[in-house]
All heavy atoms as atom14 arrays in JSON, in Angstrom:
{
  "sequence": "TRSRTRTGDGDQADEEEASQTASDFLETKRGPS",
  "atom14_mask": [
    [1, 1, 1, 1, 1, 1, 1, 0, 0, 0, 0, 0, 0, 0],
    [1, 1, 1, 1, 1, 1, 1, 1, 1, 1, 1, 0, 0, 0],
    [1, 1, 1, 1, 1, 1, 0, 0, 0, 0, 0, 0, 0, 0],
    [1, 1, 1, 1, 1, 1, 1, 1, 1, 1, 1, 0, 0, 0],
    [1, 1, 1, 1, 1, 1, 1, 0, 0, 0, 0, 0, 0, 0],
    [1, 1, 1, 1, 1, 1, 1, 1, 1, 1, 1, 0, 0, 0],
    [1, 1, 1, 1, 1, 1, 1, 0, 0, 0, 0, 0, 0, 0],
    [1, 1, 1, 1, 0, 0, 0, 0, 0, 0, 0, 0, 0, 0],
    [1, 1, 1, 1, 1, 1, 1, 1, 0, 0, 0, 0, 0, 0],
    [1, 1, 1, 1, 0, 0, 0, 0, 0, 0, 0, 0, 0, 0],
    [1, 1, 1, 1, 1, 1, 1, 1, 0, 0, 0, 0, 0, 0],
    [1, 1, 1, 1, 1, 1, 1, 1, 1, 0, 0, 0, 0, 0],
    [1, 1, 1, 1, 1, 0, 0, 0, 0, 0, 0, 0, 0, 0],
    [1, 1, 1, 1, 1, 1, 1, 1, 0, 0, 0, 0, 0, 0],
    [1, 1, 1, 1, 1, 1, 1, 1, 1, 0, 0, 0, 0, 0],
    [1, 1, 1, 1, 1, 1, 1, 1, 1, 0, 0, 0, 0, 0],
    [1, 1, 1, 1, 1, 1, 1, 1, 1, 0, 0, 0, 0, 0],
    [1, 1, 1, 1, 1, 0, 0, 0, 0, 0, 0, 0, 0, 0],
    [1, 1, 1, 1, 1, 1, 0, 0, 0, 0, 0, 0, 0, 0],
    [1, 1, 1, 1, 1, 1, 1, 1, 1, 0, 0, 0, 0, 0],
    [1, 1, 1, 1, 1, 1, 1, 0, 0, 0, 0, 0, 0, 0],
    [1, 1, 1, 1, 1, 0, 0, 0, 0, 0, 0, 0, 0, 0],
    [1, 1, 1, 1, 1, 1, 0, 0, 0, 0, 0, 0, 0, 0],
    [1, 1, 1, 1, 1, 1, 1, 1, 0, 0, 0, 0, 0, 0],
    [1, 1, 1, 1, 1, 1, 1, 1, 1, 1, 1, 0, 0, 0],
    [1, 1, 1, 1, 1, 1, 1, 1, 0, 0, 0, 0, 0, 0],
    [1, 1, 1, 1, 1, 1, 1, 1, 1, 0, 0, 0, 0, 0],
    [1, 1, 1, 1, 1, 1, 1, 0, 0, 0, 0, 0, 0, 0],
    [1, 1, 1, 1, 1, 1, 1, 1, 1, 0, 0, 0, 0, 0],
    [1, 1, 1, 1, 1, 1, 1, 1, 1, 1, 1, 0, 0, 0],
    [1, 1, 1, 1, 0, 0, 0, 0, 0, 0, 0, 0, 0, 0],
    [1, 1, 1, 1, 1, 1, 1, 0, 0, 0, 0, 0, 0, 0],
    [1, 1, 1, 1, 1, 1, 0, 0, 0, 0, 0, 0, 0, 0]
  ],
  "atom14_positions": [
    [[0.9, -1.24, -0.04], [0.0, 0.0, 0.05], [0.87, 1.22, 0.04], [1.73, 1.28, 0.79], [-0.96, 0.08, 1.29], [-1.68, -1.2, 1.29], [-1.82, 1.23, 1.29], [0.0, 0.0, 0.0], [0.0, 0.0, 0.0], [0.0, 0.0, 0.0], [0.0, 0.0, 0.0], [0.0, 0.0, 0.0], [0.0, 0.0, 0.0], [0.0, 0.0, 0.0]],
    [[0.47, 2.21, -0.82], [1.31, 3.39, -0.85], [1.1, 4.22, 0.32], [0.05, 4.35, 0.92], [0.88, 4.26, -2.06], [1.07, 3.49, -3.51], [0.33, 4.32, -4.48], [0.31, 3.62, -5.74], [-0.26, 3.97, -6.81], [-1.06, 5.05, -6.79], [-0.35, 3.23, -7.9], [0.0, 0.0, 0.0], [0.0, 0.0, 0.0], [0.0, 0.0, 0.0]],
    [[2.22, 4.59, 0.89], [2.21, 5.44, 2.17], [2.35, 6.88, 1.9], [2.98, 7.28, 0.96], [3.2, 4.83, 3.15], [4.56, 5.02, 2.56], [0.0, 0.0, 0.0], [0.0, 0.0, 0.0], [0.0, 0.0, 0.0], [0.0, 0.0, 0.0], [0.0, 0.0, 0.0], [0.0, 0.0, 0.0], [0.0, 0.0, 0.0], [0.0, 0.0, 0.0]],
    [[2.1, 7.71, 2.95], [2.21, 9.11, 2.83], [2.96, 9.56, 4.01], [2.65, 9.04, 5.11], [0.92, 9.88, 2.61], [0.18, 9.49, 1.38], [-1.23, 10.29, 1.27], [-0.84, 11.76, 0.94], [-0.67, 12.19, -0.27], [-0.65, 11.33, -1.39], [-0.42, 13.44, -0.52], [0.0, 0.0, 0.0], [0.0, 0.0, 0.0], [0.0, 0.0, 0.0]],
    [[3.86, 10.47, 3.89], [4.61, 11.04, 4.96], [4.25, 12.53, 5.27], [4.03, 13.29, 4.34], [6.12, 10.88, 4.86], [6.46, 11.54, 3.62], [6.51, 9.38, 4.73], [0.0, 0.0, 0.0], [0.0, 0.0, 0.0], [0.0, 0.0, 0.0], [0.0, 0.0, 0.0], [0.0, 0.0, 0.0], [0.0, 0.0, 0.0], [0.0, 0.0, 0.0]],
    [[4.17, 12.91, 6.56], [3.83, 14.42, 6.86], [5.15, 15.13, 6.93], [6.02, 14.7, 7.75], [3.0, 14.53, 8.0], [2.74, 15.84, 8.4], [1.71, 16.01, 9.53], [0.4, 15.5, 9.09], [-0.49, 16.3, 8.45], [-0.13, 17.62, 8.1], [-1.54, 15.91, 7.92], [0.0, 0.0, 0.0], [0.0, 0.0, 0.0], [0.0, 0.0, 0.0]],
    [[5.38, 16.24, 6.32], [6.49, 17.15, 6.34], [5.95, 18.49, 6.82], [4.89, 18.77, 7.08], [7.29, 17.16, 5.02], [6.46, 17.95, 4.15], [7.59, 15.82, 4.5], [0.0, 0.0, 0.0], [0.0, 0.0, 0.0], [0.0, 0.0, 0.0], [0.0, 0.0, 0.0], [0.0, 0.0, 0.0], [0.0, 0.0, 0.0], [0.0, 0.0, 0.0]],
    [[7.06, 19.37, 6.98], [6.59, 20.72, 7.34], [5.73, 21.39, 6.3], [5.09, 22.44, 6.52], [0.0, 0.0, 0.0], [0.0, 0.0, 0.0], [0.0, 0.0, 0.0], [0.0, 0.0, 0.0], [0.0, 0.0, 0.0], [0.0, 0.0, 0.0], [0.0, 0.0, 0.0], [0.0, 0.0, 0.0], [0.0, 0.0, 0.0], [0.0, 0.0, 0.0]],
    [[5.81, 20.91, 5.03], [5.0, 21.59, 3.97], [3.75, 20.8, 3.87], [2.88, 21.0, 2.92], [5.79, 21.45, 2.62], [7.13, 22.15, 2.7], [7.13, 23.36, 3.42], [8.08, 21.78, 2.22], [0.0, 0.0, 0.0], [0.0, 0.0, 0.0], [0.0, 0.0, 0.0], [0.0, 0.0, 0.0], [0.0, 0.0, 0.0], [0.0, 0.0, 0.0]],
    [[3.36, 19.94, 4.76], [2.15, 19.04, 4.66], [2.37, 17.73, 4.13], [3.56, 17.28, 4.15], [0.0, 0.0, 0.0], [0.0, 0.0, 0.0], [0.0, 0.0, 0.0], [0.0, 0.0, 0.0], [0.0, 0.0, 0.0], [0.0, 0.0, 0.0], [0.0, 0.0, 0.0], [0.0, 0.0, 0.0], [0.0, 0.0, 0.0], [0.0, 0.0, 0.0]],
    [[1.21, 17.04, 3.82], [1.33, 15.58, 3.37], [2.06, 15.69, 1.97], [1.61, 16.42, 1.07], [-0.06, 15.02, 3.27], [-0.66, 14.71, 4.51], [0.22, 14.6, 5.5], [-1.74, 14.53, 4.73], [0.0, 0.0, 0.0], [0.0, 0.0, 0.0], [0.0, 0.0, 0.0], [0.0, 0.0, 0.0], [0.0, 0.0, 0.0], [0.0, 0.0, 0.0]],
    [[3.02, 14.69, 1.85], [3.71, 14.6, 0.49], [3.81, 13.12, 0.28], [4.12, 12.27, 1.27], [5.08, 15.21, 0.46], [4.94, 16.67, 0.59], [6.45, 17.37, 0.52], [7.43, 16.7, 0.65], [6.36, 18.59, 0.16], [0.0, 0.0, 0.0], [0.0, 0.0, 0.0], [0.0, 0.0, 0.0], [0.0, 0.0, 0.0], [0.0, 0.0, 0.0]],
    [[3.67, 12.59, -0.92], [3.81, 11.18, -1.26], [5.26, 10.9, -1.2], [6.11, 11.82, -1.48], [3.33, 11.0, -2.72], [0.0, 0.0, 0.0], [0.0, 0.0, 0.0], [0.0, 0.0, 0.0], [0.0, 0.0, 0.0], [0.0, 0.0, 0.0], [0.0, 0.0, 0.0], [0.0, 0.0, 0.0], [0.0, 0.0, 0.0], [0.0, 0.0, 0.0]],
    [[5.66, 9.77, -0.61], [7.08, 9.25, -0.58], [7.61, 9.02, -1.83], [6.82, 8.94, -2.9], [7.16, 8.22, 0.48], [6.5, 6.89, 0.12], [6.05, 6.8, -1.08], [6.27, 6.09, 1.01], [0.0, 0.0, 0.0], [0.0, 0.0, 0.0], [0.0, 0.0, 0.0], [0.0, 0.0, 0.0], [0.0, 0.0, 0.0], [0.0, 0.0, 0.0]],
    [[8.91, 8.81, -1.94], [9.45, 8.48, -3.32], [8.94, 7.25, -3.99], [8.56, 7.42, -5.33], [10.91, 8.22, -3.1], [11.62, 8.0, -4.3], [13.19, 7.88, -4.23], [13.63, 8.07, -3.02], [13.91, 7.57, -5.13], [0.0, 0.0, 0.0], [0.0, 0.0, 0.0], [0.0, 0.0, 0.0], [0.0, 0.0, 0.0], [0.0, 0.0, 0.0]],
    [[8.57, 6.26, -3.38], [7.94, 5.06, -3.93], [6.66, 5.37, -4.56], [6.24, 4.99, -5.72], [7.76, 3.88, -2.82], [7.14, 2.66, -3.62], [6.88, 1.56, -2.48], [7.32, 1.81, -1.25], [6.38, 0.55, -2.83], [0.0, 0.0, 0.0], [0.0, 0.0, 0.0], [0.0, 0.0, 0.0], [0.0, 0.0, 0.0], [0.0, 0.0, 0.0]],
    [[5.67, 6.0, -3.75], [4.4, 6.4, -4.42], [4.53, 7.37, -5.51], [3.7, 7.17, -6.44], [3.58, 7.04, -3.23], [2.29, 7.54, -3.76], [1.36, 8.14, -2.58], [1.88, 8.48, -1.53], [0.19, 8.45, -2.96], [0.0, 0.0, 0.0], [0.0, 0.0, 0.0], [0.0, 0.0, 0.0], [0.0, 0.0, 0.0], [0.0, 0.0, 0.0]],
    [[5.32, 8.38, -5.48], [5.51, 9.3, -6.64], [5.91, 8.4, -7.81], [5.39, 8.78, -8.92], [6.57, 10.34, -6.24], [0.0, 0.0, 0.0], [0.0, 0.0, 0.0], [0.0, 0.0, 0.0], [0.0, 0.0, 0.0], [0.0, 0.0, 0.0], [0.0, 0.0, 0.0], [0.0, 0.0, 0.0], [0.0, 0.0, 0.0], [0.0, 0.0, 0.0]],
    [[6.91, 7.63, -7.69], [7.35, 6.81, -8.81], [6.33, 5.99, -9.37], [6.14, 5.94, -10.68], [8.57, 5.93, -8.42], [8.81, 5.15, -9.37], [0.0, 0.0, 0.0], [0.0, 0.0, 0.0], [0.0, 0.0, 0.0], [0.0, 0.0, 0.0], [0.0, 0.0, 0.0], [0.0, 0.0, 0.0], [0.0, 0.0, 0.0], [0.0, 0.0, 0.0]],
    [[5.56, 5.31, -8.5], [4.47, 4.39, -9.1], [3.26, 5.31, -9.57], [2.8, 4.94, -10.65], [3.89, 3.61, -7.83], [2.86, 2.65, -8.24], [3.34, 1.51, -9.17], [4.34, 0.94, -8.84], [2.81, 1.36, -10.35], [0.0, 0.0, 0.0], [0.0, 0.0, 0.0], [0.0, 0.0, 0.0], [0.0, 0.0, 0.0], [0.0, 0.0, 0.0]],
    [[3.0, 6.46, -9.08], [1.98, 7.26, -9.64], [2.38, 7.71, -11.07], [1.49, 7.81, -11.96], [1.82, 8.57, -8.79], [1.37, 8.11, -7.5], [0.63, 9.43, -9.31], [0.0, 0.0, 0.0], [0.0, 0.0, 0.0], [0.0, 0.0, 0.0], [0.0, 0.0, 0.0], [0.0, 0.0, 0.0], [0.0, 0.0, 0.0], [0.0, 0.0, 0.0]],
    [[3.65, 8.07, -11.28], [4.08, 8.47, -12.56], [4.0, 7.38, -13.56], [3.51, 7.46, -14.59], [5.48, 9.0, -12.44], [0.0, 0.0, 0.0], [0.0, 0.0, 0.0], [0.0, 0.0, 0.0], [0.0, 0.0, 0.0], [0.0, 0.0, 0.0], [0.0, 0.0, 0.0], [0.0, 0.0, 0.0], [0.0, 0.0, 0.0], [0.0, 0.0, 0.0]],
    [[4.3, 6.17, -13.16], [4.14, 4.96, -13.97], [2.71, 4.63, -14.33], [2.41, 4.27, -15.45], [4.89, 3.68, -13.14], [4.63, 2.6, -13.98], [0.0, 0.0, 0.0], [0.0, 0.0, 0.0], [0.0, 0.0, 0.0], [0.0, 0.0, 0.0], [0.0, 0.0, 0.0], [0.0, 0.0, 0.0], [0.0, 0.0, 0.0], [0.0, 0.0, 0.0]],
    [[1.88, 4.77, -13.37], [0.39, 4.45, -13.61], [-0.03, 5.51, -14.71], [-0.85, 5.27, -15.54], [-0.23, 4.5, -12.25], [-0.17, 3.35, -11.37], [0.49, 2.34, -11.93], [-0.62, 3.43, -10.21], [0.0, 0.0, 0.0], [0.0, 0.0, 0.0], [0.0, 0.0, 0.0], [0.0, 0.0, 0.0], [0.0, 0.0, 0.0], [0.0, 0.0, 0.0]],
    [[0.31, 6.76, -14.44], [-0.23, 7.85, -15.44], [0.29, 7.57, -16.72], [-0.49, 7.54, -17.8], [0.45, 9.23, -14.87], [-0.04, 10.26, -15.86], [-1.13, 10.87, -15.81], [0.96, 10.8, -16.76], [-1.54, 11.88, -16.76], [0.69, 11.77, -17.58], [-0.53, 12.37, -17.58], [0.0, 0.0, 0.0], [0.0, 0.0, 0.0], [0.0, 0.0, 0.0]],
    [[1.53, 7.22, -16.98], [2.09, 6.83, -18.21], [1.45, 5.68, -18.87], [1.1, 5.64, -20.01], [3.53, 6.72, -18.24], [4.35, 7.94, -18.09], [5.86, 7.61, -17.83], [4.28, 8.96, -19.11], [0.0, 0.0, 0.0], [0.0, 0.0, 0.0], [0.0, 0.0, 0.0], [0.0, 0.0, 0.0], [0.0, 0.0, 0.0], [0.0, 0.0, 0.0]],
    [[1.15, 4.61, -18.12], [0.5, 3.48, -18.71], [-0.88, 3.75, -18.99], [-1.42, 3.23, -20.09], [0.56, 2.39, -17.54], [0.08, 1.02, -18.02], [1.12, 0.45, -19.07], [2.12, 0.71, -19.02], [0.59, -0.39, -19.75], [0.0, 0.0, 0.0], [0.0, 0.0, 0.0], [0.0, 0.0, 0.0], [0.0, 0.0, 0.0], [0.0, 0.0, 0.0]],
    [[-1.47, 4.56, -18.42], [-2.92, 5.01, -18.62], [-3.0, 5.73, -19.91], [-3.84, 5.46, -20.86], [-3.58, 5.86, -17.49], [-3.64, 5.02, -16.39], [-5.01, 6.21, -17.89], [0.0, 0.0, 0.0], [0.0, 0.0, 0.0], [0.0, 0.0, 0.0], [0.0, 0.0, 0.0], [0.0, 0.0, 0.0], [0.0, 0.0, 0.0], [0.0, 0.0, 0.0]],
    [[-1.99, 6.7, -20.19], [-1.96, 7.46, -21.37], [-1.55, 6.62, -22.67], [-2.26, 6.83, -23.6], [-1.03, 8.58, -21.11], [-1.46, 9.67, -20.18], [-2.7, 10.31, -20.64], [-3.04, 11.42, -19.64], [-4.33, 12.18, -20.11], [0.0, 0.0, 0.0], [0.0, 0.0, 0.0], [0.0, 0.0, 0.0], [0.0, 0.0, 0.0], [0.0, 0.0, 0.0]],
    [[-0.63, 5.75, -22.42], [-0.16, 5.18, -23.69], [-0.68, 3.79, -23.99], [-0.76, 3.22, -24.98], [1.29, 4.96, -23.71], [1.9, 3.98, -22.63], [3.32, 4.0, -22.56], [3.89, 3.04, -21.39], [4.85, 3.36, -20.74], [5.69, 4.54, -20.96], [5.27, 2.48, -19.78], [0.0, 0.0, 0.0], [0.0, 0.0, 0.0], [0.0, 0.0, 0.0]],
    [[-1.36, 3.19, -22.88], [-1.93, 1.83, -23.06], [-1.02, 0.73, -23.0], [0.22, 1.07, -22.85], [0.0, 0.0, 0.0], [0.0, 0.0, 0.0], [0.0, 0.0, 0.0], [0.0, 0.0, 0.0], [0.0, 0.0, 0.0], [0.0, 0.0, 0.0], [0.0, 0.0, 0.0], [0.0, 0.0, 0.0], [0.0, 0.0, 0.0], [0.0, 0.0, 0.0]],
    [[-1.28, -0.53, -23.05], [-0.33, -1.72, -23.01], [0.61, -1.57, -24.25], [0.24, -1.1, -25.3], [-1.33, -2.84, -23.14], [-2.63, -2.41, -22.71], [-2.83, -0.86, -23.19], [0.0, 0.0, 0.0], [0.0, 0.0, 0.0], [0.0, 0.0, 0.0], [0.0, 0.0, 0.0], [0.0, 0.0, 0.0], [0.0, 0.0, 0.0], [0.0, 0.0, 0.0]],
    [[1.85, -2.02, -24.0], [2.8, -2.01, -25.07], [2.33, -2.89, -26.23], [1.97, -3.97, -26.06], [4.06, -2.58, -24.46], [4.98, -2.79, -25.58], [0.0, 0.0, 0.0], [0.0, 0.0, 0.0], [0.0, 0.0, 0.0], [0.0, 0.0, 0.0], [0.0, 0.0, 0.0], [0.0, 0.0, 0.0], [0.0, 0.0, 0.0], [0.0, 0.0, 0.0]]
  ]
}
């Protein structure tokens, strides 16, 4: 499960979540290879 960490700037996605989110976005846009 993707986790979120709280920083002084508020809630931010951790590195793993950000990477996965970008991957999901690209896969949605381009579809299966």
